[in-house]
C-alpha cells in the first residue's frame, strides 16, 4: 500500500525545525522495523505464499479439512498486523528487566515471534497448517524484511559522515541478517538484547550512548515512531522523525501536538522530498549535506557530507 499524501498537516517547512546542522550528531541510531524496512509487505506476502504451498503441495492431505477451510478465507495482511501488534505488546510489557532475575529473564524477539505465531494460528483455527519445522522457518521472516527504497542508498552515503548503528528491539542475530539482506551498512549492531530491556526503557538509550563512548546529545535516534523518539529525547538524544505509511501509533491529534511542541529536532513527512525525489532517509541525507561550512560543538568541522576533526 502506498500513500500519496501524509495524513498530518504540515504547518511549517522543514528548514524551520530545530535539527542543528551546526552541531550535527556524531552517531545516527536507527529504529529498524517500519523505519528502515517494510515489514508489512514482506510478512504478508510470505504468509500468503507459505499458506498456498501448504494447501497445494503433495503433502497438503495432512492439513485438516477445517484448517484448509479457514486458511482459504483468512486475510494474511490482517494476520500480519496482528502478529506485529503482539510484538508491540510484548516489548512494552518487558521494557524493564525482571527485578528478581534480571537479564536471565530476558526473552528474545525471535522466541516471541515463534510463540506468538503459534498462538495466533490457534486463535484463527489454523493450527496444523504448518508443521513445527515450517513454523520455525516462517517465524524467522522478520530476519529478511525488504527495505524501503530510500533506506540503502541513504545509509551508504550517511556512513561516510556518521557512525551508523541499529537501536532496535530485534535481537542481535535478527538485526545482522536484516542488515545483510537489505544492504544496510551499519558500523555497529546495537540491540535491546545487549541491555536486558526493551525500548522505551532508558536502559536501552543510555546504554547505547555509553557503548559508543558518546554523550547522549551526540547521538540522534532516527525512527518512524514518536513514542520511541520521545523516550530517546527524555534521555538527551537528538531526534529525527521519518514518517512511514501506517507506522505511527499516536493519534493524529497527538502527532500534530508533537510537531507544534518542537521536541522533534528534524521532521520528514511523507510528502517532504525537497532535496531528494526518494524522500525519506534520502531527504535526511540531503538536509545534512546542505549544512556544509558550519562548525559543530565537539563534533569536528562539518563540511558537506564529512567530518574533519
Protein backbone atom coordinates (compact mmCIF):
# COMPACT_ATOMS: atom_id res chain seq x y z
CA UNK A 1 0.00 0.00 0.00
CA UNK A 2 1.32 3.42 -0.97
CA UNK A 3 0.07 6.66 0.45
CA UNK A 4 0.33 9.74 -1.77
CA UNK A 5 -0.39 12.25 0.96
CA UNK A 6 0.56 12.50 4.58
CA UNK A 7 -2.41 12.47 6.99
CA UNK A 8 -0.65 15.00 9.21
CA UNK A 9 -0.88 18.73 8.49
CA UNK A 10 2.44 20.37 7.67
CA UNK A 11 2.27 23.75 9.35
CA UNK A 12 5.91 24.68 8.79
CA UNK A 13 8.58 23.82 6.21
CA UNK A 14 11.44 21.56 7.22
CA UNK A 15 14.04 24.32 7.38
CA UNK A 16 12.24 25.99 10.29
CA UNK A 17 12.74 22.98 12.54
CA UNK A 18 15.36 22.69 15.25
CA UNK A 19 17.72 19.97 14.00
CA UNK A 20 21.08 21.66 14.26
CA UNK A 21 23.37 21.22 11.28
CA UNK A 22 25.84 23.46 13.12
CA UNK A 23 26.05 20.76 15.79
CA UNK A 24 25.20 17.54 13.97
CA UNK A 25 25.24 14.29 15.92
CA UNK A 26 28.25 12.02 15.73
CA UNK A 27 26.13 8.89 15.61
CA UNK A 28 22.80 8.11 13.96
CA UNK A 29 21.00 5.26 15.70
CA UNK A 30 18.15 3.73 13.75
CA UNK A 31 14.98 2.05 14.74
CA UNK A 32 14.59 -0.76 12.21
CA UNK A 33 11.11 -2.29 11.95
CA UNK A 34 8.99 0.15 9.92
CA UNK A 35 11.68 2.83 9.82
CA UNK A 36 14.19 1.08 7.56
CA UNK A 37 12.27 -1.96 6.38
CA UNK A 38 8.74 -2.57 5.11
CA UNK A 39 7.75 -5.40 7.43
CA UNK A 40 4.10 -5.30 6.39
CA UNK A 41 4.62 -6.20 2.73
CA UNK A 42 7.27 -8.86 3.31
CA UNK A 43 5.44 -10.62 6.14
CA UNK A 44 2.06 -10.57 4.38
CA UNK A 45 3.50 -11.98 1.17
CA UNK A 46 5.45 -14.67 2.99
CA UNK A 47 2.44 -15.84 4.97
CA UNK A 48 0.24 -15.96 1.86
CA UNK A 49 2.91 -17.79 -0.13
CA UNK A 50 3.60 -20.37 2.58
CA UNK A 51 -0.13 -20.96 3.06
CA UNK A 52 -0.56 -21.59 -0.67
CA UNK A 53 2.33 -24.05 -0.60
CA UNK A 54 0.84 -25.88 2.39
CA UNK A 55 -2.56 -26.14 0.74
CA UNK A 56 -1.38 -27.13 -2.72
CA UNK A 57 1.70 -29.28 -2.15
CA UNK A 58 1.81 -33.06 -2.36
CA UNK A 59 1.75 -33.13 1.45
CA UNK A 60 -1.37 -30.98 1.65
CA UNK A 61 -3.51 -34.00 2.54
CA UNK A 62 -2.04 -33.71 6.04
CA UNK A 63 -3.81 -30.36 6.53
CA UNK A 64 -7.12 -30.98 8.36
CA UNK A 65 -10.23 -30.05 6.32
CA UNK A 66 -11.36 -27.43 8.85
CA UNK A 67 -7.94 -25.79 8.79
CA UNK A 68 -8.00 -25.83 5.00
CA UNK A 69 -11.33 -24.01 5.06
CA UNK A 70 -10.16 -21.29 7.45
CA UNK A 71 -6.88 -20.89 5.56
CA UNK A 72 -8.74 -20.21 2.33
CA UNK A 73 -10.57 -17.23 3.85
CA UNK A 74 -8.02 -15.63 6.19
CA UNK A 75 -6.70 -12.16 5.39
CA UNK A 76 -2.94 -12.55 5.62
CA UNK A 77 -2.29 -8.78 5.73
CA UNK A 78 -4.62 -8.57 8.75
CA UNK A 79 -2.91 -11.59 10.29
CA UNK A 80 0.48 -9.93 9.76
CA UNK A 81 -0.77 -6.80 11.53
CA UNK A 82 -1.99 -8.88 14.48
CA UNK A 83 1.40 -10.56 14.64
CA UNK A 84 3.11 -7.18 14.66
CA UNK A 85 0.73 -5.95 17.37
CA UNK A 86 1.72 -8.86 19.63
CA UNK A 87 5.33 -7.69 19.30
CA UNK A 88 4.39 -4.19 20.43
CA UNK A 89 2.51 -5.56 23.43
CA UNK A 90 5.38 -7.90 24.28
CA UNK A 91 8.13 -5.27 24.16
CA UNK A 92 6.13 -2.71 26.13
CA UNK A 93 5.33 -5.26 28.81
CA UNK A 94 9.00 -6.19 29.03
CA UNK A 95 10.59 -2.75 28.76
CA UNK A 96 12.38 -3.29 32.07
CA UNK A 97 14.30 -6.38 33.24
CA UNK A 98 12.80 -8.60 35.88
CA UNK A 99 13.60 -7.28 39.35
CA UNK A 100 14.03 -10.79 40.64
CA UNK A 101 16.12 -12.43 37.93
CA UNK A 102 17.42 -9.53 35.82
CA UNK A 103 18.82 -10.39 32.41
CA UNK A 104 18.24 -14.10 32.94
CA UNK A 105 14.54 -13.41 32.39
CA UNK A 106 15.14 -11.72 29.02
CA UNK A 107 13.18 -13.29 26.18
CA UNK A 108 14.31 -12.54 22.64
CA UNK A 109 12.11 -11.21 19.88
CA UNK A 110 12.86 -14.36 17.87
CA UNK A 111 11.35 -16.50 20.61
CA UNK A 112 8.39 -14.15 20.90
CA UNK A 113 7.76 -14.25 17.15
CA UNK A 114 7.66 -18.05 17.22
CA UNK A 115 5.45 -18.28 20.31
CA UNK A 116 3.03 -15.60 19.12
CA UNK A 117 2.75 -17.18 15.66
CA UNK A 118 1.73 -20.48 17.25
CA UNK A 119 -0.85 -18.70 19.43
CA UNK A 120 -2.29 -16.66 16.56
CA UNK A 121 -2.67 -19.71 14.35
CA UNK A 122 -4.59 -21.43 17.13
CA UNK A 123 -6.75 -18.33 17.65
CA UNK A 124 -7.64 -18.33 13.95
CA UNK A 125 -8.32 -22.08 13.84
CA UNK A 126 -5.22 -22.58 11.71
CA UNK A 127 -3.20 -24.90 13.97
CA UNK A 128 -1.89 -27.69 11.77
CA UNK A 129 -1.46 -25.60 8.62
CA UNK A 130 2.32 -25.86 9.03
CA UNK A 131 4.49 -28.43 10.79
CA UNK A 132 6.94 -27.36 13.56
CA UNK A 133 9.90 -27.08 11.18
CA UNK A 134 7.88 -24.87 8.82
CA UNK A 135 6.64 -22.76 11.73
CA UNK A 136 10.21 -22.10 12.84
CA UNK A 137 11.22 -21.07 9.33
CA UNK A 138 8.20 -18.79 8.87
CA UNK A 139 8.74 -17.16 12.27
CA UNK A 140 12.14 -16.03 11.00
CA UNK A 141 10.65 -13.98 8.17
CA UNK A 142 11.49 -10.94 10.32
CA UNK A 143 15.18 -11.63 9.59
CA UNK A 144 14.67 -10.97 5.88
CA UNK A 145 12.40 -7.95 5.54
CA UNK A 146 12.78 -5.86 2.40
CA UNK A 147 13.92 -2.25 2.88
CA UNK A 148 12.13 0.92 1.89
CA UNK A 149 13.56 2.12 -1.43
CA UNK A 150 15.39 5.05 0.19
CA UNK A 151 16.99 3.13 3.06
CA UNK A 152 20.02 1.50 1.47
CA UNK A 153 21.18 4.37 -0.78
CA UNK A 154 20.80 6.91 2.03
CA UNK A 155 22.73 4.83 4.55
CA UNK A 156 25.53 4.20 2.06
CA UNK A 157 26.01 7.96 1.84
CA UNK A 158 25.45 8.72 5.52
CA UNK A 159 28.03 6.15 6.61
CA UNK A 160 30.72 8.45 5.22
CA UNK A 161 29.77 11.09 7.79
CA UNK A 162 28.36 9.35 10.84
CA UNK A 163 28.68 6.27 12.95
CA UNK A 164 25.57 4.31 11.92
CA UNK A 165 24.01 1.91 14.41
CA UNK A 166 20.86 -0.04 14.85
CA UNK A 167 18.95 0.62 18.06
CA UNK A 168 16.17 -1.89 17.80
CA UNK A 169 14.22 -4.29 19.93
CA UNK A 170 15.16 -7.01 17.47
CA UNK A 171 17.76 -9.46 18.77
CA UNK A 172 21.33 -9.31 17.52
CA UNK A 173 21.19 -12.25 15.08
CA UNK A 174 17.97 -10.89 13.58
CA UNK A 175 19.49 -7.44 13.05
CA UNK A 176 22.64 -8.86 11.47
CA UNK A 177 20.58 -10.86 9.00
CA UNK A 178 18.41 -7.84 8.23
CA UNK A 179 21.42 -5.62 7.61
CA UNK A 180 22.90 -8.14 5.19
CA UNK A 181 19.61 -8.83 3.41
CA UNK A 182 18.67 -5.16 2.99
CA UNK A 183 22.22 -3.93 2.28
CA UNK A 184 22.30 -1.56 5.24
CA UNK A 185 25.93 -0.60 6.07
CA UNK A 186 25.88 -0.26 9.83
CA UNK A 187 29.04 0.46 11.79
CA UNK A 188 27.59 -1.23 14.88
CA UNK A 189 24.69 -3.52 15.64
CA UNK A 190 23.10 -2.44 18.92
CA UNK A 191 20.07 -4.29 20.23
CA UNK A 192 17.89 -4.19 23.30
CA UNK A 193 19.30 -7.65 23.87
CA UNK A 194 22.59 -6.01 24.84
CA UNK A 195 20.93 -4.12 27.68
CA UNK A 196 18.49 -6.73 29.01
CA UNK A 197 15.46 -4.50 28.44
CA UNK A 198 13.27 -3.30 25.59
CA UNK A 199 12.64 0.19 24.32
CA UNK A 200 11.29 2.51 25.62
CA UNK A 201 13.38 1.67 28.70
CA UNK A 202 16.03 4.33 29.40
CA UNK A 203 18.46 1.43 29.87
CA UNK A 204 18.48 0.96 26.11
CA UNK A 205 19.12 4.58 25.06
CA UNK A 206 21.59 5.33 27.85
CA UNK A 207 23.34 2.03 27.30
CA UNK A 208 23.69 2.70 23.58
CA UNK A 209 25.34 6.10 24.12
CA UNK A 210 27.69 4.60 26.72
CA UNK A 211 28.54 1.72 24.40
CA UNK A 212 29.52 4.21 21.69
CA UNK A 213 31.53 6.33 24.12
CA UNK A 214 29.39 9.39 23.36
CA UNK A 215 27.28 11.84 25.27
CA UNK A 216 23.55 11.42 24.70
CA UNK A 217 23.36 14.74 22.86
CA UNK A 218 25.95 13.47 20.37
CA UNK A 219 23.52 10.72 19.38
CA UNK A 220 20.39 11.06 17.26
CA UNK A 221 17.66 8.45 17.08
CA UNK A 222 16.03 8.07 13.67
CA UNK A 223 12.58 6.49 13.88
CA UNK A 224 9.10 6.38 12.40
CA UNK A 225 7.51 6.18 15.85
CA UNK A 226 7.06 9.21 18.08
CA UNK A 227 6.86 7.11 21.24
CA UNK A 228 10.35 5.78 20.59
CA UNK A 229 11.64 9.28 19.84
CA UNK A 230 10.05 10.77 22.96
CA UNK A 231 11.75 8.19 25.16
CA UNK A 232 15.09 8.87 23.45
CA UNK A 233 14.56 12.62 23.82
CA UNK A 234 13.95 12.18 27.55
CA UNK A 235 17.40 10.55 27.73
CA UNK A 236 19.03 13.52 25.99
CA UNK A 237 19.17 12.22 22.40
CA UNK A 238 18.58 14.36 19.35
CA UNK A 239 15.56 13.10 17.43
CA UNK A 240 14.72 12.62 13.75
CA UNK A 241 11.22 11.59 12.69
CA UNK A 242 10.86 9.85 9.31
CA UNK A 243 7.19 9.29 8.57
CA UNK A 244 6.30 5.94 7.03
CA UNK A 245 2.96 4.66 5.76
CA UNK A 246 0.75 3.33 8.59
CA UNK A 247 3.61 3.15 11.11
CA UNK A 248 2.64 5.83 13.63
CA UNK A 249 0.83 4.58 16.74
CA UNK A 250 -0.01 8.03 18.08
CA UNK A 251 -3.34 9.62 17.18
CA UNK A 252 -3.49 12.41 14.57
CA UNK A 253 -4.09 14.90 17.37
CA UNK A 254 -1.04 13.70 19.29
CA UNK A 255 1.09 13.87 16.15
CA UNK A 256 0.04 17.45 15.43
CA UNK A 257 0.73 18.43 19.03
CA UNK A 258 4.18 16.82 18.97
CA UNK A 259 5.13 18.77 15.87
CA UNK A 260 3.91 22.03 17.34
CA UNK A 261 5.78 21.44 20.60
CA UNK A 262 9.01 21.20 18.62
CA UNK A 263 10.79 18.50 20.61
CA UNK A 264 11.40 16.53 17.40
CA UNK A 265 14.60 18.05 16.01
CA UNK A 266 14.06 17.08 12.38
CA UNK A 267 10.74 16.05 10.88
CA UNK A 268 10.48 14.35 7.49
CA UNK A 269 6.90 13.80 6.34
CA UNK A 270 5.72 11.51 3.57
CA UNK A 271 5.49 14.36 1.09
CA UNK A 272 8.69 16.11 2.07
CA UNK A 273 11.15 15.43 -0.74
CA UNK A 274 12.68 18.85 -1.25
CA UNK A 275 16.24 17.57 -1.57
CA UNK A 276 15.69 14.05 -2.94
CA UNK A 277 12.93 12.59 -5.12
CA UNK A 278 13.01 9.45 -2.97
CA UNK A 279 12.23 11.41 0.21
CA UNK A 280 12.56 9.55 3.49
CA UNK A 281 16.13 8.91 4.53
CA UNK A 282 17.45 10.36 1.27
CA UNK A 283 15.78 13.60 2.32
CA UNK A 284 17.59 13.30 5.65
CA UNK A 285 20.88 12.85 3.82
CA UNK A 286 20.17 15.94 1.73
CA UNK A 287 19.35 18.10 4.74
CA UNK A 288 22.63 17.29 6.43
CA UNK A 289 24.51 17.89 3.17
CA UNK A 290 23.18 21.46 2.97
CA UNK A 291 24.81 22.22 6.34
CA UNK A 292 28.33 22.50 4.86
CA UNK A 293 30.66 25.08 6.33
CA UNK A 294 29.25 25.07 9.87
CA UNK A 295 31.30 24.32 12.95
CA UNK A 296 29.90 21.68 15.30
CA UNK A 297 30.47 21.65 19.04
CA UNK A 298 32.61 18.65 19.94
CA UNK A 299 31.88 17.01 16.61
CA UNK A 300 34.67 18.26 14.34
CA UNK A 301 34.08 20.67 11.49
CA UNK A 302 31.09 19.88 9.36
CA UNK A 303 31.98 20.01 5.66
CA UNK A 304 29.22 18.79 3.38
CA UNK A 305 28.84 15.06 3.92
CA UNK A 306 32.01 14.55 6.01
CA UNK A 307 33.62 15.48 9.31
CA UNK A 308 37.08 16.94 9.56
CA UNK A 309 38.46 16.61 13.09
